[in-house]
Protein backbone atom coordinates (compact mmCIF):
# COMPACT_ATOMS: atom_id res chain seq x y z
CA UNK A 1 0.00 0.00 0.00
CA UNK A 2 1.37 3.50 -0.92
CA UNK A 3 1.82 5.62 2.20
CA UNK A 4 -1.47 4.49 3.75
CA UNK A 5 -2.25 2.54 6.87
CA UNK A 6 -4.01 -0.76 7.27
CA UNK A 7 -6.31 -1.38 10.21
CA UNK A 8 -7.28 -4.94 11.10
CA UNK A 9 -10.12 -5.74 13.43
CA UNK A 10 -10.93 -9.28 14.64
CA UNK A 11 -13.98 -10.39 16.59
CA UNK A 12 -14.45 -13.88 18.06
CA UNK A 13 -18.06 -14.83 18.68
CA UNK A 14 -18.99 -17.89 20.81
CA UNK A 15 -22.49 -19.26 20.99
CA UNK A 16 -22.81 -22.38 23.16
CA UNK A 17 -20.38 -24.89 21.60
CA UNK A 18 -19.80 -23.01 18.35
CA UNK A 19 -17.21 -20.30 17.74
CA UNK A 20 -16.80 -17.96 14.83
CA UNK A 21 -14.13 -15.38 14.08
CA UNK A 22 -14.82 -12.33 11.93
CA UNK A 23 -11.91 -10.35 10.57
CA UNK A 24 -12.23 -6.86 9.11
CA UNK A 25 -9.44 -5.09 7.21
CA UNK A 26 -9.58 -1.36 6.51
CA UNK A 27 -7.15 0.35 4.16
CA UNK A 28 -6.74 3.96 5.26
CA UNK A 29 -5.59 6.20 2.45
CA UNK A 30 -4.23 9.66 3.29
CA UNK A 31 -6.35 12.66 2.30
CA UNK A 32 -4.42 14.73 -0.18
CA UNK A 33 -3.95 18.43 0.44
CA UNK A 34 -5.33 19.16 -3.01
CA UNK A 35 -8.57 17.37 -2.14
CA UNK A 36 -8.85 19.39 1.09
CA UNK A 37 -8.23 22.64 -0.82
CA UNK A 38 -10.80 21.69 -3.47
CA UNK A 39 -13.38 21.13 -0.75
CA UNK A 40 -12.61 24.49 0.88
CA UNK A 41 -12.72 26.24 -2.51
CA UNK A 42 -16.17 24.77 -3.20
CA UNK A 43 -17.40 26.13 0.14
CA UNK A 44 -16.01 29.61 -0.62
CA UNK A 45 -17.53 29.56 -4.12
CA UNK A 46 -20.92 28.81 -2.55
CA UNK A 47 -20.55 31.73 -0.15
CA UNK A 48 -19.52 34.02 -3.02
CA UNK A 49 -22.56 33.01 -5.07
CA UNK A 50 -24.82 33.76 -2.10
CA UNK A 51 -23.17 37.19 -1.62
CA UNK A 52 -23.59 38.01 -5.33
CA UNK A 53 -27.26 37.07 -5.19
CA UNK A 54 -27.72 39.35 -2.18
CA UNK A 55 -26.02 42.27 -3.95
CA UNK A 56 -28.12 41.77 -7.07
CA UNK A 57 -31.23 42.19 -4.91
CA UNK A 58 -30.08 45.67 -3.83
CA UNK A 59 -31.95 48.39 -5.66
CA UNK A 60 -30.76 51.97 -5.71
CA UNK A 61 -32.68 55.05 -6.75
CA UNK A 62 -31.58 58.68 -6.75
CA UNK A 63 -34.21 61.43 -6.73
CA UNK A 64 -33.95 65.21 -6.80
CA UNK A 65 -36.35 67.64 -5.19
CA UNK A 66 -36.86 71.23 -4.11
CA UNK A 67 -39.24 73.08 -1.83
CA UNK A 68 -40.88 75.00 -4.64
CA UNK A 69 -42.23 77.25 -1.85
CA UNK A 70 -44.83 74.70 -0.73
CA UNK A 71 -44.67 75.11 3.05
CA UNK A 72 -41.11 73.82 3.10
CA UNK A 73 -42.21 70.37 1.91
CA UNK A 74 -39.77 68.91 -0.59
CA UNK A 75 -41.36 68.29 -3.97
CA UNK A 76 -39.78 65.29 -5.70
CA UNK A 77 -39.43 64.87 -9.43
CA UNK A 78 -41.32 61.83 -10.78
CA UNK A 79 -39.43 58.61 -11.40
CA UNK A 80 -40.11 55.53 -13.53
CA UNK A 81 -39.41 52.65 -11.12
CA UNK A 82 -41.10 49.40 -10.13
CA UNK A 83 -40.16 49.68 -6.48
CA UNK A 84 -40.76 53.41 -5.75
CA UNK A 85 -43.04 56.13 -7.00
CA UNK A 86 -43.53 59.79 -6.26
CA UNK A 87 -47.03 60.67 -5.03
CA UNK A 88 -49.28 62.67 -7.36
CA UNK A 89 -48.61 65.92 -5.50
CA UNK A 90 -44.85 65.21 -5.51
CA UNK A 91 -44.53 65.62 -1.75
CA UNK A 92 -43.71 62.01 -0.81
CA UNK A 93 -41.95 58.90 -2.03
CA UNK A 94 -44.14 55.78 -1.89
CA UNK A 95 -42.46 52.40 -1.39
CA UNK A 96 -44.00 49.73 -3.61
CA UNK A 97 -41.84 46.91 -2.22
CA UNK A 98 -41.56 46.23 1.52
CA UNK A 99 -38.09 45.78 2.97
CA UNK A 100 -35.10 47.32 4.71
CA UNK A 101 -33.75 50.48 3.10
CA UNK A 102 -30.87 52.87 3.63
CA UNK A 103 -31.96 56.47 3.17
CA UNK A 104 -29.38 59.19 2.52
CA UNK A 105 -30.69 62.73 2.11
CA UNK A 106 -28.61 65.80 1.31
CA UNK A 107 -30.32 69.20 1.65
CA UNK A 108 -28.91 72.30 -0.03
CA UNK A 109 -29.91 75.73 1.27
CA UNK A 110 -29.24 79.14 -0.20
CA UNK A 111 -28.11 81.94 2.14
CA UNK A 112 -30.76 82.39 4.82
CA UNK A 113 -31.51 84.82 7.66
CA UNK A 114 -31.68 82.14 10.39
CA UNK A 115 -31.05 78.46 11.09
CA UNK A 116 -33.54 75.76 10.14
CA UNK A 117 -34.25 72.13 10.81
CA UNK A 118 -35.57 69.19 8.83
CA UNK A 119 -38.56 67.02 9.72
CA UNK A 120 -38.35 63.41 8.52
CA UNK A 121 -41.89 62.01 8.08
CA UNK A 122 -43.13 58.47 7.46
CA UNK A 123 -46.80 58.25 6.50
CA UNK A 124 -47.19 61.86 7.63
CA UNK A 125 -45.94 61.16 11.16
CA UNK A 126 -42.74 62.60 12.59
CA UNK A 127 -40.06 59.91 12.44
CA UNK A 128 -37.05 62.09 13.17
CA UNK A 129 -36.87 65.84 13.49
CA UNK A 130 -34.39 68.30 14.78
CA UNK A 131 -31.76 67.75 12.10
CA UNK A 132 -30.48 71.27 12.54
CA UNK A 133 -29.08 73.31 9.71
CA UNK A 134 -27.09 76.15 11.27
CA UNK A 135 -27.36 79.80 10.36
CA UNK A 136 -25.16 80.26 7.34
CA UNK A 137 -25.08 84.01 6.89
CA UNK A 138 -24.31 84.78 3.29
CA UNK A 139 -23.09 81.31 2.26
CA UNK A 140 -24.80 78.26 0.81
CA UNK A 141 -24.92 75.30 3.19
CA UNK A 142 -25.83 71.63 3.05
CA UNK A 143 -26.94 69.07 5.63
CA UNK A 144 -27.06 65.28 5.47
CA UNK A 145 -29.51 62.87 7.05
CA UNK A 146 -29.09 59.11 6.89
CA UNK A 147 -30.97 56.20 8.35
CA UNK A 148 -31.73 52.49 7.90
CA UNK A 149 -35.46 51.84 8.06
CA UNK A 150 -37.88 49.03 7.34
CA UNK A 151 -40.72 50.20 5.11
CA UNK A 152 -43.93 48.33 4.43
CA UNK A 153 -45.61 48.36 1.03
CA UNK A 154 -47.27 51.75 0.35
CA UNK A 155 -45.43 53.57 3.16
CA UNK A 156 -44.71 57.21 2.28
CA UNK A 157 -41.51 59.10 3.05
CA UNK A 158 -41.41 62.91 3.06
CA UNK A 159 -39.27 65.76 4.38
CA UNK A 160 -40.06 69.31 5.45
CA UNK A 161 -37.63 72.21 5.85
CA UNK A 162 -38.97 74.03 8.91
CA UNK A 163 -38.38 77.74 9.73
CA UNK A 164 -36.77 78.42 6.38
CA UNK A 165 -38.90 77.24 3.53
CA UNK A 166 -37.48 78.91 0.46
CA UNK A 167 -34.58 78.02 -1.80
CA UNK A 168 -34.11 74.47 -0.54
CA UNK A 169 -32.91 71.74 -2.85
CA UNK A 170 -32.29 68.09 -2.08
CA UNK A 171 -31.01 64.83 -3.40
CA UNK A 172 -31.94 61.48 -1.93
CA UNK A 173 -30.43 58.06 -2.45
CA UNK A 174 -32.55 55.07 -1.45
CA UNK A 175 -31.00 51.61 -1.40
CA UNK A 176 -32.94 48.41 -0.69
CA UNK A 177 -30.69 46.19 1.42
CA UNK A 178 -32.98 43.35 2.43
CA UNK A 179 -36.44 41.97 2.86
């Protein structure tokens, strides 16, 4: 035998006056390193395929909006998507597919006479407010808001610039990260 081991096992069985001997021989062949690496590679390939499938599920949308002097409520431009839509009045983003999402909002404000803050609304209810945009004197300023949230089908997301409602622009990136 080439580099392997042989294991012999004998059993003697007696029943009354009769006796019987059973002999078992096992040839133990070494596991090659290449075989072990092939097995590990197959496991890693399976994990990679699962990760790729997860990434392909991720959906990203970028929308632009402005206040358009409508009580500080951001008015979003319509989008042609299967998973999101802008409401008829443009004031909210409706989620057509339930799941976990990462929301990243950037607000751009022209020079303003005082500070402001942003209200973050889900289905018209205050989810997070108090994102303060400081007084910026005679300079343009921007503020970022980010969050991971689980939305149900038909949930609506909207934002309001409070205290300073003019000359506000925004961009939002929405990424679906899971069910």
